[in-house]
């Protein structure tokens, strides 16, 4: 039964709560970065097909995700 410790309702709900908080922090961080740039990131990536900007935004997304993950994990 020790292998099923993570199935307890408190642990599952805690994990869901941390996931929601992590996604919110990630989304807010992305919106702030979008506001700080001199142009709209989504328009540049999708409409203008700016591949270099897409790579930079992807790197920022990965790094923000890693920071949020590390903060939640402890």
PDB file of N, CA and C in Angstrom:
ATOM      1  N   UNK A   1       0.810  -1.202   0.000  1.00  0.00           N
ATOM      2  CA  UNK A   1       0.000   0.000   0.000  1.00  0.00           C
ATOM      3  C   UNK A   1       0.852   1.264   0.000  1.00  0.00           C
ATOM      4  N   UNK A   2       2.134   1.169   0.325  1.00  0.00           N
ATOM      5  CA  UNK A   2       2.978   2.357   0.355  1.00  0.00           C
ATOM      6  C   UNK A   2       3.159   2.952  -1.038  1.00  0.00           C
ATOM      7  N   UNK A   3       3.013   2.137  -2.072  1.00  0.00           N
ATOM      8  CA  UNK A   3       3.168   2.631  -3.434  1.00  0.00           C
ATOM      9  C   UNK A   3       2.007   3.503  -3.885  1.00  0.00           C
ATOM     10  N   UNK A   4       0.889   3.452  -3.183  1.00  0.00           N
ATOM     11  CA  UNK A   4      -0.287   4.234  -3.555  1.00  0.00           C
ATOM     12  C   UNK A   4      -0.474   5.459  -2.671  1.00  0.00           C
ATOM     13  N   UNK A   5       0.570   5.880  -2.009  1.00  0.00           N
ATOM     14  CA  UNK A   5       0.509   7.047  -1.121  1.00  0.00           C
ATOM     15  C   UNK A   5       0.076   8.309  -1.866  1.00  0.00           C
ATOM     16  N   UNK A   6       0.496   8.458  -3.101  1.00  0.00           N
ATOM     17  CA  UNK A   6       0.194   9.656  -3.876  1.00  0.00           C
ATOM     18  C   UNK A   6      -1.257   9.721  -4.326  1.00  0.00           C
ATOM     19  N   UNK A   7      -2.041   8.663  -4.136  1.00  0.00           N
ATOM     20  CA  UNK A   7      -3.446   8.657  -4.533  1.00  0.00           C
ATOM     21  C   UNK A   7      -4.379   9.206  -3.458  1.00  0.00           C
ATOM     22  N   UNK A   8      -3.855   9.588  -2.324  1.00  0.00           N
ATOM     23  CA  UNK A   8      -4.696  10.152  -1.274  1.00  0.00           C
ATOM     24  C   UNK A   8      -5.303  11.471  -1.760  1.00  0.00           C
ATOM     25  N   UNK A   9      -6.560  11.754  -1.410  1.00  0.00           N
ATOM     26  CA  UNK A   9      -7.234  12.966  -1.904  1.00  0.00           C
ATOM     27  C   UNK A   9      -6.497  14.259  -1.584  1.00  0.00           C
ATOM     28  N   UNK A  10      -5.908  14.362  -0.422  1.00  0.00           N
ATOM     29  CA  UNK A  10      -5.179  15.576  -0.064  1.00  0.00           C
ATOM     30  C   UNK A  10      -3.983  15.820  -0.963  1.00  0.00           C
ATOM     31  N   UNK A  11      -3.287  14.756  -1.300  1.00  0.00           N
ATOM     32  CA  UNK A  11      -2.110  14.883  -2.159  1.00  0.00           C
ATOM     33  C   UNK A  11      -2.528  15.224  -3.586  1.00  0.00           C
ATOM     34  N   UNK A  12      -3.576  14.588  -4.077  1.00  0.00           N
ATOM     35  CA  UNK A  12      -4.058  14.861  -5.435  1.00  0.00           C
ATOM     36  C   UNK A  12      -4.554  16.301  -5.532  1.00  0.00           C
ATOM     37  N   UNK A  13      -5.341  16.745  -4.564  1.00  0.00           N
ATOM     38  CA  UNK A  13      -5.845  18.123  -4.587  1.00  0.00           C
ATOM     39  C   UNK A  13      -4.715  19.136  -4.457  1.00  0.00           C
ATOM     40  N   UNK A  14      -3.729  18.835  -3.648  1.00  0.00           N
ATOM     41  CA  UNK A  14      -2.565  19.709  -3.537  1.00  0.00           C
ATOM     42  C   UNK A  14      -1.814  19.816  -4.854  1.00  0.00           C
ATOM     43  N   UNK A  15      -1.670  18.689  -5.538  1.00  0.00           N
ATOM     44  CA  UNK A  15      -0.987  18.694  -6.834  1.00  0.00           C
ATOM     45  C   UNK A  15      -1.759  19.512  -7.857  1.00  0.00           C
ATOM     46  N   UNK A  16      -3.084  19.367  -7.860  1.00  0.00           N
ATOM     47  CA  UNK A  16      -3.914  20.144  -8.793  1.00  0.00           C
ATOM     48  C   UNK A  16      -3.801  21.633  -8.474  1.00  0.00           C
ATOM     49  N   UNK A  17      -3.836  21.982  -7.191  1.00  0.00           N
ATOM     50  CA  UNK A  17      -3.716  23.383  -6.788  1.00  0.00           C
ATOM     51  C   UNK A  17      -2.367  23.958  -7.219  1.00  0.00           C
ATOM     52  N   UNK A  18      -1.286  23.228  -6.986  1.00  0.00           N
ATOM     53  CA  UNK A  18       0.031  23.699  -7.411  1.00  0.00           C
ATOM     54  C   UNK A  18       0.118  23.835  -8.930  1.00  0.00           C
ATOM     55  N   UNK A  19      -0.504  22.924  -9.666  1.00  0.00           N
ATOM     56  CA  UNK A  19      -0.505  23.015 -11.123  1.00  0.00           C
ATOM     57  C   UNK A  19      -1.240  24.265 -11.587  1.00  0.00           C
ATOM     58  N   UNK A  20      -2.381  24.550 -10.977  1.00  0.00           N
ATOM     59  CA  UNK A  20      -3.146  25.746 -11.356  1.00  0.00           C
ATOM     60  C   UNK A  20      -2.359  27.017 -11.024  1.00  0.00           C
ATOM     61  N   UNK A  21      -1.762  27.053  -9.844  1.00  0.00           N
ATOM     62  CA  UNK A  21      -0.954  28.217  -9.460  1.00  0.00           C
ATOM     63  C   UNK A  21       0.231  28.374 -10.410  1.00  0.00           C
ATOM     64  N   UNK A  22       0.878  27.274 -10.769  1.00  0.00           N
ATOM     65  CA  UNK A  22       2.005  27.333 -11.694  1.00  0.00           C
ATOM     66  C   UNK A  22       1.609  27.851 -13.056  1.00  0.00           C
ATOM     67  N   UNK A  23       0.478  27.395 -13.571  1.00  0.00           N
ATOM     68  CA  UNK A  23       0.008  27.867 -14.880  1.00  0.00           C
ATOM     69  C   UNK A  23      -0.344  29.348 -14.812  1.00  0.00           C
ATOM     70  N   UNK A  24      -0.980  29.782 -13.729  1.00  0.00           N
ATOM     71  CA  UNK A  24      -1.321  31.202 -13.586  1.00  0.00           C
ATOM     72  C   UNK A  24      -0.074  32.080 -13.530  1.00  0.00           C
ATOM     73  N   UNK A  25       0.912  31.658 -12.760  1.00  0.00           N
ATOM     74  CA  UNK A  25       2.156  32.427 -12.675  1.00  0.00           C
ATOM     75  C   UNK A  25       2.842  32.463 -14.035  1.00  0.00           C
ATOM     76  N   UNK A  26       2.852  31.339 -14.733  1.00  0.00           N
ATOM     77  CA  UNK A  26       3.450  31.290 -16.069  1.00  0.00           C
ATOM     78  C   UNK A  26       2.719  32.226 -17.016  1.00  0.00           C
ATOM     79  N   UNK A  27       1.389  32.211 -17.010  1.00  0.00           N
ATOM     80  CA  UNK A  27       0.596  33.048 -17.905  1.00  0.00           C
ATOM     81  C   UNK A  27       0.815  34.530 -17.606  1.00  0.00           C
ATOM     82  N   UNK A  28       0.799  34.891 -16.327  1.00  0.00           N
ATOM     83  CA  UNK A  28       1.023  36.284 -15.949  1.00  0.00           C
ATOM     84  C   UNK A  28       2.423  36.737 -16.363  1.00  0.00           C
ATOM     85  N   UNK A  29       3.413  35.882 -16.199  1.00  0.00           N
ATOM     86  CA  UNK A  29       4.781  36.209 -16.618  1.00  0.00           C
ATOM     87  C   UNK A  29       4.858  36.428 -18.117  1.00  0.00           C
ATOM     88  N   UNK A  30       4.174  35.591 -18.878  1.00  0.00           N
ATOM     89  CA  UNK A  30       4.195  35.743 -20.330  1.00  0.00           C
ATOM     90  C   UNK A  30       3.517  37.045 -20.751  1.00  0.00           C
ATOM     91  N   UNK A  31       2.398  37.395 -20.100  1.00  0.00           N
ATOM     92  CA  UNK A  31       1.700  38.643 -20.426  1.00  0.00           C
ATOM     93  C   UNK A  31       2.588  39.843 -20.112  1.00  0.00           C
ATOM     94  N   UNK A  32       3.301  39.798 -18.999  1.00  0.00           N
ATOM     95  CA  UNK A  32       4.212  40.896 -18.645  1.00  0.00           C
ATOM     96  C   UNK A  32       5.323  41.022 -19.680  1.00  0.00           C
ATOM     97  N   UNK A  33       5.890  39.896 -20.086  1.00  0.00           N
ATOM     98  CA  UNK A  33       6.940  39.927 -21.106  1.00  0.00           C
ATOM     99  C   UNK A  33       6.393  40.474 -22.422  1.00  0.00           C
ATOM    100  N   UNK A  34       5.178  40.079 -22.765  1.00  0.00           N
ATOM    101  CA  UNK A  34       4.544  40.583 -23.990  1.00  0.00           C
ATOM    102  C   UNK A  34       4.356  42.091 -23.926  1.00  0.00           C
ATOM    103  N   UNK A  35       3.985  42.615 -22.758  1.00  0.00           N
ATOM    104  CA  UNK A  35       3.788  44.060 -22.603  1.00  0.00           C
ATOM    105  C   UNK A  35       5.112  44.818 -22.645  1.00  0.00           C
ATOM    106  N   UNK A  36       6.199  44.192 -22.196  1.00  0.00           N
ATOM    107  CA  UNK A  36       7.499  44.854 -22.176  1.00  0.00           C
ATOM    108  C   UNK A  36       8.153  44.944 -23.549  1.00  0.00           C
ATOM    109  N   UNK A  37       7.773  44.070 -24.447  1.00  0.00           N
ATOM    110  CA  UNK A  37       8.368  44.098 -25.784  1.00  0.00           C
ATOM    111  C   UNK A  37       7.718  45.204 -26.614  1.00  0.00           C
ATOM    112  N   UNK A  38       8.446  45.757 -27.565  1.00  0.00           N
ATOM    113  CA  UNK A  38       7.905  46.876 -28.341  1.00  0.00           C
ATOM    114  C   UNK A  38       6.848  46.471 -29.383  1.00  0.00           C
ATOM    115  N   UNK A  39       6.571  45.204 -29.536  1.00  0.00           N
ATOM    116  CA  UNK A  39       5.580  44.739 -30.514  1.00  0.00           C
ATOM    117  C   UNK A  39       4.808  43.577 -29.913  1.00  0.00           C
ATOM    118  N   UNK A  40       3.725  43.201 -30.559  1.00  0.00           N
ATOM    119  CA  UNK A  40       2.910  42.088 -30.089  1.00  0.00           C
ATOM    120  C   UNK A  40       3.577  40.774 -30.488  1.00  0.00           C
ATOM    121  N   UNK A  41       3.913  39.961 -29.506  1.00  0.00           N
ATOM    122  CA  UNK A  41       4.618  38.711 -29.788  1.00  0.00           C
ATOM    123  C   UNK A  41       3.793  37.779 -30.668  1.00  0.00           C
ATOM    124  N   UNK A  42       2.511  37.613 -30.336  1.00  0.00           N
ATOM    125  CA  UNK A  42       1.682  36.665 -31.072  1.00  0.00           C
ATOM    126  C   UNK A  42       1.545  37.063 -32.543  1.00  0.00           C
ATOM    127  N   UNK A  43       1.339  38.362 -32.799  1.00  0.00           N
ATOM    128  CA  UNK A  43       1.216  38.824 -34.186  1.00  0.00           C
ATOM    129  C   UNK A  43       2.514  38.591 -34.956  1.00  0.00           C
ATOM    130  N   UNK A  44       3.635  38.877 -34.325  1.00  0.00           N
ATOM    131  CA  UNK A  44       4.922  38.685 -34.990  1.00  0.00           C
ATOM    132  C   UNK A  44       5.182  37.214 -35.311  1.00  0.00           C
ATOM    133  N   UNK A  45       4.841  36.333 -34.393  1.00  0.00           N
ATOM    134  CA  UNK A  45       5.114  34.912 -34.596  1.00  0.00           C
ATOM    135  C   UNK A  45       4.153  34.302 -35.601  1.00  0.00           C
ATOM    136  N   UNK A  46       2.861  34.574 -35.461  1.00  0.00           N
ATOM    137  CA  UNK A  46       1.859  33.911 -36.287  1.00  0.00           C
ATOM    138  C   UNK A  46       1.692  34.590 -37.650  1.00  0.00           C
ATOM    139  N   UNK A  47       1.517  35.907 -37.648  1.00  0.00           N
ATOM    140  CA  UNK A  47       1.239  36.601 -38.900  1.00  0.00           C
ATOM    141  C   UNK A  47       2.490  36.909 -39.707  1.00  0.00           C
ATOM    142  N   UNK A  48       3.539  37.348 -39.031  1.00  0.00           N
ATOM    143  CA  UNK A  48       4.774  37.720 -39.728  1.00  0.00           C
ATOM    144  C   UNK A  48       5.733  36.539 -39.893  1.00  0.00           C
ATOM    145  N   UNK A  49       5.438  35.404 -39.244  1.00  0.00           N
ATOM    146  CA  UNK A  49       6.266  34.184 -39.314  1.00  0.00           C
ATOM    147  C   UNK A  49       7.717  34.451 -38.897  1.00  0.00           C
ATOM    148  N   UNK A  50       7.864  35.169 -37.784  1.00  0.00           N
ATOM    149  CA  UNK A  50       9.177  35.523 -37.263  1.00  0.00           C
ATOM    150  C   UNK A  50       9.732  34.334 -36.460  1.00  0.00           C
ATOM    151  N   UNK A  51      10.513  33.498 -37.105  1.00  0.00           N
ATOM    152  CA  UNK A  51      11.031  32.274 -36.491  1.00  0.00           C
ATOM    153  C   UNK A  51      12.014  32.567 -35.358  1.00  0.00           C
ATOM    154  N   UNK A  52      12.853  33.576 -35.535  1.00  0.00           N
ATOM    155  CA  UNK A  52      13.829  33.912 -34.499  1.00  0.00           C
ATOM    156  C   UNK A  52      13.116  34.333 -33.211  1.00  0.00           C
ATOM    157  N   UNK A  53      12.078  35.138 -33.336  1.00  0.00           N
ATOM    158  CA  UNK A  53      11.313  35.557 -32.159  1.00  0.00           C
ATOM    159  C   UNK A  53      10.598  34.365 -31.535  1.00  0.00           C
ATOM    160  N   UNK A  54      10.114  33.456 -32.358  1.00  0.00           N
ATOM    161  CA  UNK A  54       9.447  32.258 -31.836  1.00  0.00           C
ATOM    162  C   UNK A  54      10.413  31.424 -31.001  1.00  0.00           C
ATOM    163  N   UNK A  55      11.647  31.318 -31.431  1.00  0.00           N
ATOM    164  CA  UNK A  55      12.649  30.566 -30.676  1.00  0.00           C
ATOM    165  C   UNK A  55      12.963  31.260 -29.354  1.00  0.00           C
ATOM    166  N   UNK A  56      13.082  32.585 -29.375  1.00  0.00           N
ATOM    167  CA  UNK A  56      13.341  33.336 -28.143  1.00  0.00           C
ATOM    168  C   UNK A  56      12.174  33.191 -27.172  1.00  0.00           C
ATOM    169  N   UNK A  57      10.941  33.290 -27.671  1.00  0.00           N
ATOM    170  CA  UNK A  57       9.757  33.153 -26.812  1.00  0.00           C
ATOM    171  C   UNK A  57       9.678  31.726 -26.258  1.00  0.00           C
ATOM    172  N   UNK A  58      10.009  30.734 -27.061  1.00  0.00           N
ATOM    173  CA  UNK A  58      10.012  29.353 -26.586  1.00  0.00           C
ATOM    174  C   UNK A  58      11.038  29.174 -25.461  1.00  0.00           C
ATOM    175  N   UNK A  59      12.205  29.773 -25.618  1.00  0.00           N
ATOM    176  CA  UNK A  59      13.225  29.686 -24.564  1.00  0.00           C
ATOM    177  C   UNK A  59      12.750  30.380 -23.291  1.00  0.00           C
ATOM    178  N   UNK A  60      12.079  31.519 -23.440  1.00  0.00           N
ATOM    179  CA  UNK A  60      11.535  32.207 -22.263  1.00  0.00           C
ATOM    180  C   UNK A  60      10.461  31.358 -21.594  1.00  0.00           C
ATOM    181  N   UNK A  61       9.609  30.719 -22.378  1.00  0.00           N
ATOM    182  CA  UNK A  61       8.554  29.875 -21.820  1.00  0.00           C
ATOM    183  C   UNK A  61       9.149  28.695 -21.046  1.00  0.00           C
ATOM    184  N   UNK A  62      10.154  28.073 -21.607  1.00  0.00           N
ATOM    185  CA  UNK A  62      10.797  26.951 -20.933  1.00  0.00           C
ATOM    186  C   UNK A  62      11.454  27.414 -19.637  1.00  0.00           C
ATOM    187  N   UNK A  63      12.154  28.548 -19.679  1.00  0.00           N
ATOM    188  CA  UNK A  63      12.833  29.016 -18.470  1.00  0.00           C
ATOM    189  C   UNK A  63      11.848  29.476 -17.401  1.00  0.00           C
ATOM    190  N   UNK A  64      10.759  30.146 -17.785  1.00  0.00           N
ATOM    191  CA  UNK A  64       9.744  30.532 -16.799  1.00  0.00           C
ATOM    192  C   UNK A  64       9.121  29.282 -16.194  1.00  0.00           C
ATOM    193  N   UNK A  65       8.843  28.284 -17.032  1.00  0.00           N
ATOM    194  CA  UNK A  65       8.281  27.030 -16.536  1.00  0.00           C
ATOM    195  C   UNK A  65       9.211  26.327 -15.558  1.00  0.00           C
ATOM    196  N   UNK A  66      10.502  26.354 -15.836  1.00  0.00           N
ATOM    197  CA  UNK A  66      11.465  25.737 -14.932  1.00  0.00           C
ATOM    198  C   UNK A  66      11.547  26.485 -13.603  1.00  0.00           C
ATOM    199  N   UNK A  67      11.478  27.810 -13.661  1.00  0.00           N
ATOM    200  CA  UNK A  67      11.517  28.606 -12.436  1.00  0.00           C
ATOM    201  C   UNK A  67      10.275  28.336 -11.585  1.00  0.00           C
ATOM    202  N   UNK A  68       9.109  28.321 -12.226  1.00  0.00           N
ATOM    203  CA  UNK A  68       7.864  28.056 -11.501  1.00  0.00           C
ATOM    204  C   UNK A  68       7.895  26.645 -10.913  1.00  0.00           C
ATOM    205  N   UNK A  69       8.364  25.685 -11.693  1.00  0.00           N
ATOM    206  CA  UNK A  69       8.457  24.309 -11.217  1.00  0.00           C
ATOM    207  C   UNK A  69       9.386  24.186 -10.008  1.00  0.00           C
ATOM    208  N   UNK A  70      10.525  24.833 -10.086  1.00  0.00           N
ATOM    209  CA  UNK A  70      11.477  24.786  -8.981  1.00  0.00           C
ATOM    210  C   UNK A  70      10.914  25.475  -7.736  1.00  0.00           C
ATOM    211  N   UNK A  71      10.186  26.557  -7.937  1.00  0.00           N
ATOM    212  CA  UNK A  71       9.597  27.271  -6.801  1.00  0.00           C
ATOM    213  C   UNK A  71       8.526  26.419  -6.118  1.00  0.00           C
ATOM    214  N   UNK A  72       7.738  25.721  -6.907  1.00  0.00           N
ATOM    215  CA  UNK A  72       6.687  24.871  -6.338  1.00  0.00           C
ATOM    216  C   UNK A  72       7.288  23.630  -5.685  1.00  0.00           C
ATOM    217  N   UNK A  73       8.271  23.041  -6.337  1.00  0.00           N
ATOM    218  CA  UNK A  73       8.873  21.813  -5.826  1.00  0.00           C
ATOM    219  C   UNK A  73       9.636  22.047  -4.534  1.00  0.00           C
ATOM    220  N   UNK A  74      10.248  23.204  -4.440  1.00  0.00           N
ATOM    221  CA  UNK A  74      10.936  23.539  -3.186  1.00  0.00           C
ATOM    222  C   UNK A  74      12.376  23.496  -3.282  1.00  0.00           C
TER     223      UNK A  74
END
